[in-house]
Amino acid sequence: METQFGILSDDVDGVNETFSFTPAGDGHDLFYTSNLQFSAGECLSTKLFNSGGGQATNQFEEALLYEPTSSSVIFASILEEGALNGFNQQDNDFEMIVLENGHGTDTSSTPYYFYVELQ
């Protein structure tokens, strides 16, 4: 996946440096997409910054999903209920990061499509 986005294996801001498998309780919470259940800590995941500039327990979690038939990668942000101050000191329901090359003079952009699943 890093190669696909022009990320070198020793880049400090790569996929493997940002997303990791962590045990339940430290990784993402249990979540569903459609009728599929993803157990806590099952996917590569990361926790994004809160208003204090650090990673908060059970807040702003993002998981990487992979669909093997089409080789699609899905960045899944778990929606938060209630008032949570995000990285920008404002109320946010989610935070998300996605890949972009951006090395050197690369100014091309990558299109991303956003879908929301509400219960």
C-alpha atoms as a PDB file:
ATOM      1  CA  MET A   1       0.000   0.000   0.000  1.00  0.00           C
ATOM      2  CA  GLU A   2       2.839   2.390   0.745  1.00  0.00           C
ATOM      3  CA  THR A   3       4.344   1.720  -2.681  1.00  0.00           C
ATOM      4  CA  GLN A   4       1.010   2.509  -4.351  1.00  0.00           C
ATOM      5  CA  PHE A   5       1.061   5.978  -2.752  1.00  0.00           C
ATOM      6  CA  GLY A   6       4.773   6.669  -3.281  1.00  0.00           C
ATOM      7  CA  ILE A   7       5.669   6.182   0.382  1.00  0.00           C
ATOM      8  CA  LEU A   8       9.140   4.773   1.020  1.00  0.00           C
ATOM      9  CA  SER A   9       9.528   1.966   3.555  1.00  0.00           C
ATOM     10  CA  ASP A  10      11.741   4.171   5.757  1.00  0.00           C
ATOM     11  CA  ASP A  11       9.481   7.270   5.661  1.00  0.00           C
ATOM     12  CA  VAL A  12       8.621   8.353   9.200  1.00  0.00           C
ATOM     13  CA  ASP A  13       5.048   9.203   8.212  1.00  0.00           C
ATOM     14  CA  GLY A  14       4.094   5.983   6.437  1.00  0.00           C
ATOM     15  CA  VAL A  15       1.177   3.598   6.842  1.00  0.00           C
ATOM     16  CA  ASN A  16       3.117   1.148   9.019  1.00  0.00           C
ATOM     17  CA  GLU A  17       4.269   3.971  11.302  1.00  0.00           C
ATOM     18  CA  THR A  18       0.757   5.395  11.694  1.00  0.00           C
ATOM     19  CA  PHE A  19      -1.562   2.354  11.693  1.00  0.00           C
ATOM     20  CA  SER A  20      -0.893  -0.775  13.738  1.00  0.00           C
ATOM     21  CA  PHE A  21      -2.540  -3.810  15.284  1.00  0.00           C
ATOM     22  CA  THR A  22      -3.105  -3.182  18.956  1.00  0.00           C
ATOM     23  CA  PRO A  23      -4.892  -5.396  21.456  1.00  0.00           C
ATOM     24  CA  ALA A  24      -8.519  -4.814  22.396  1.00  0.00           C
ATOM     25  CA  GLY A  25      -8.709  -1.898  24.796  1.00  0.00           C
ATOM     26  CA  ASP A  26      -5.787  -0.129  23.113  1.00  0.00           C
ATOM     27  CA  GLY A  27      -6.980  -0.422  19.490  1.00  0.00           C
ATOM     28  CA  HIS A  28     -10.277   0.598  17.951  1.00  0.00           C
ATOM     29  CA  ASP A  29     -13.643  -0.206  19.526  1.00  0.00           C
ATOM     30  CA  LEU A  30     -15.963  -2.890  18.171  1.00  0.00           C
ATOM     31  CA  PHE A  31     -17.864  -1.546  15.147  1.00  0.00           C
ATOM     32  CA  TYR A  32     -20.184  -2.700  12.388  1.00  0.00           C
ATOM     33  CA  THR A  33     -20.336  -1.868   8.732  1.00  0.00           C
ATOM     34  CA  SER A  34     -23.470  -3.203   7.083  1.00  0.00           C
ATOM     35  CA  ASN A  35     -23.922  -6.638   8.669  1.00  0.00           C
ATOM     36  CA  LEU A  36     -20.207  -7.246   9.315  1.00  0.00           C
ATOM     37  CA  GLN A  37     -18.862  -7.000  12.837  1.00  0.00           C
ATOM     38  CA  PHE A  38     -15.268  -5.944  13.438  1.00  0.00           C
ATOM     39  CA  SER A  39     -14.082  -6.914  16.906  1.00  0.00           C
ATOM     40  CA  ALA A  40     -12.141  -4.462  19.049  1.00  0.00           C
ATOM     41  CA  GLY A  41      -8.532  -4.271  17.854  1.00  0.00           C
ATOM     42  CA  GLU A  42      -9.157  -6.527  14.813  1.00  0.00           C
ATOM     43  CA  CYS A  43      -7.993  -4.033  12.170  1.00  0.00           C
ATOM     44  CA  LEU A  44      -4.934  -1.867  11.697  1.00  0.00           C
ATOM     45  CA  SER A  45      -5.897   1.346  13.449  1.00  0.00           C
ATOM     46  CA  THR A  46      -4.760   4.638  14.898  1.00  0.00           C
ATOM     47  CA  LYS A  47      -6.129   7.202  17.319  1.00  0.00           C
ATOM     48  CA  LEU A  48      -6.109  10.796  16.172  1.00  0.00           C
ATOM     49  CA  PHE A  49      -5.391  13.859  18.281  1.00  0.00           C
ATOM     50  CA  ASN A  50      -7.881  15.400  20.666  1.00  0.00           C
ATOM     51  CA  SER A  51      -8.020  19.004  21.855  1.00  0.00           C
ATOM     52  CA  GLY A  52      -5.138  18.384  24.264  1.00  0.00           C
ATOM     53  CA  GLY A  53      -2.849  17.415  21.391  1.00  0.00           C
ATOM     54  CA  GLY A  54      -2.639  13.747  22.389  1.00  0.00           C
ATOM     55  CA  GLN A  55      -4.360  10.474  21.675  1.00  0.00           C
ATOM     56  CA  ALA A  56      -7.412  10.024  23.882  1.00  0.00           C
ATOM     57  CA  THR A  57      -8.716   6.626  24.948  1.00  0.00           C
ATOM     58  CA  ASN A  58     -11.746   5.544  22.883  1.00  0.00           C
ATOM     59  CA  GLN A  59     -11.956   8.797  20.928  1.00  0.00           C
ATOM     60  CA  PHE A  60     -11.294   9.619  17.280  1.00  0.00           C
ATOM     61  CA  GLU A  61     -10.412   6.088  16.197  1.00  0.00           C
ATOM     62  CA  GLU A  62      -9.675   5.230  12.575  1.00  0.00           C
ATOM     63  CA  ALA A  63      -9.344   1.717  11.144  1.00  0.00           C
ATOM     64  CA  LEU A  64      -8.010   0.474   7.815  1.00  0.00           C
ATOM     65  CA  LEU A  65     -10.208  -2.017   5.973  1.00  0.00           C
ATOM     66  CA  TYR A  66      -9.139  -3.988   2.907  1.00  0.00           C
ATOM     67  CA  GLU A  67     -11.382  -5.511   0.248  1.00  0.00           C
ATOM     68  CA  PRO A  68      -9.314  -8.261  -1.429  1.00  0.00           C
ATOM     69  CA  THR A  69     -11.401  -8.751  -4.589  1.00  0.00           C
ATOM     70  CA  SER A  70     -10.831  -5.204  -5.855  1.00  0.00           C
ATOM     71  CA  SER A  71      -7.739  -4.466  -3.715  1.00  0.00           C
ATOM     72  CA  SER A  72      -9.592  -1.481  -2.273  1.00  0.00           C
ATOM     73  CA  VAL A  73      -8.449   0.177   0.932  1.00  0.00           C
ATOM     74  CA  ILE A  74     -11.087   1.807   3.099  1.00  0.00           C
ATOM     75  CA  PHE A  75     -10.253   4.391   5.750  1.00  0.00           C
ATOM     76  CA  ALA A  76     -12.995   3.943   8.362  1.00  0.00           C
ATOM     77  CA  SER A  77     -13.491   6.585  11.020  1.00  0.00           C
ATOM     78  CA  ILE A  78     -15.719   5.602  13.912  1.00  0.00           C
ATOM     79  CA  LEU A  79     -18.335   8.285  14.592  1.00  0.00           C
ATOM     80  CA  GLU A  80     -18.376   9.696  18.113  1.00  0.00           C
ATOM     81  CA  GLU A  81     -21.516  10.522  20.071  1.00  0.00           C
ATOM     82  CA  GLY A  82     -21.595  13.578  22.269  1.00  0.00           C
ATOM     83  CA  ALA A  83     -19.505  16.699  22.393  1.00  0.00           C
ATOM     84  CA  LEU A  84     -15.808  15.979  21.904  1.00  0.00           C
ATOM     85  CA  ASN A  85     -13.182  18.610  21.303  1.00  0.00           C
ATOM     86  CA  GLY A  86     -10.981  17.634  18.404  1.00  0.00           C
ATOM     87  CA  PHE A  87      -7.541  18.729  17.271  1.00  0.00           C
ATOM     88  CA  ASN A  88      -8.927  22.195  16.412  1.00  0.00           C
ATOM     89  CA  GLN A  89     -10.497  22.834  19.848  1.00  0.00           C
ATOM     90  CA  GLN A  90     -14.004  22.531  18.330  1.00  0.00           C
ATOM     91  CA  ASP A  91     -16.789  19.940  18.660  1.00  0.00           C
ATOM     92  CA  ASN A  92     -16.185  17.091  16.190  1.00  0.00           C
ATOM     93  CA  ASP A  93     -18.037  13.849  15.467  1.00  0.00           C
ATOM     94  CA  PHE A  94     -15.000  12.264  13.811  1.00  0.00           C
ATOM     95  CA  GLU A  95     -11.454  12.880  12.688  1.00  0.00           C
ATOM     96  CA  MET A  96      -9.807  11.132   9.769  1.00  0.00           C
ATOM     97  CA  ILE A  97      -6.501  11.009   7.950  1.00  0.00           C
ATOM     98  CA  VAL A  98      -5.920   9.610   4.456  1.00  0.00           C
ATOM     99  CA  LEU A  99      -2.862   9.002   2.302  1.00  0.00           C
ATOM    100  CA  GLU A 100      -1.371  11.559  -0.060  1.00  0.00           C
ATOM    101  CA  ASN A 101       2.062  11.406  -1.658  1.00  0.00           C
ATOM    102  CA  GLY A 102       3.159  15.049  -1.462  1.00  0.00           C
ATOM    103  CA  HIS A 103       6.888  14.330  -1.817  1.00  0.00           C
ATOM    104  CA  GLY A 104       9.040  16.982  -3.453  1.00  0.00           C
ATOM    105  CA  THR A 105       7.277  18.637  -6.367  1.00  0.00           C
ATOM    106  CA  ASP A 106       4.352  16.178  -6.497  1.00  0.00           C
ATOM    107  CA  THR A 107       1.298  18.435  -6.527  1.00  0.00           C
ATOM    108  CA  SER A 108      -1.218  15.933  -7.888  1.00  0.00           C
ATOM    109  CA  SER A 109      -4.121  15.044  -5.641  1.00  0.00           C
ATOM    110  CA  THR A 110      -5.852  11.764  -4.862  1.00  0.00           C
ATOM    111  CA  PRO A 111      -9.673  11.698  -5.018  1.00  0.00           C
ATOM    112  CA  TYR A 112     -11.396  10.223  -1.957  1.00  0.00           C
ATOM    113  CA  TYR A 113     -15.088   9.411  -1.660  1.00  0.00           C
ATOM    114  CA  PHE A 114     -16.838   9.695   1.697  1.00  0.00           C
ATOM    115  CA  TYR A 115     -19.776   7.556   2.780  1.00  0.00           C
ATOM    116  CA  VAL A 116     -21.576   7.685   6.093  1.00  0.00           C
ATOM    117  CA  GLU A 117     -23.436   4.758   7.575  1.00  0.00           C
ATOM    118  CA  LEU A 118     -25.902   5.731  10.278  1.00  0.00           C
ATOM    119  CA  GLN A 119     -28.018   3.434  12.411  1.00  0.00           C
END
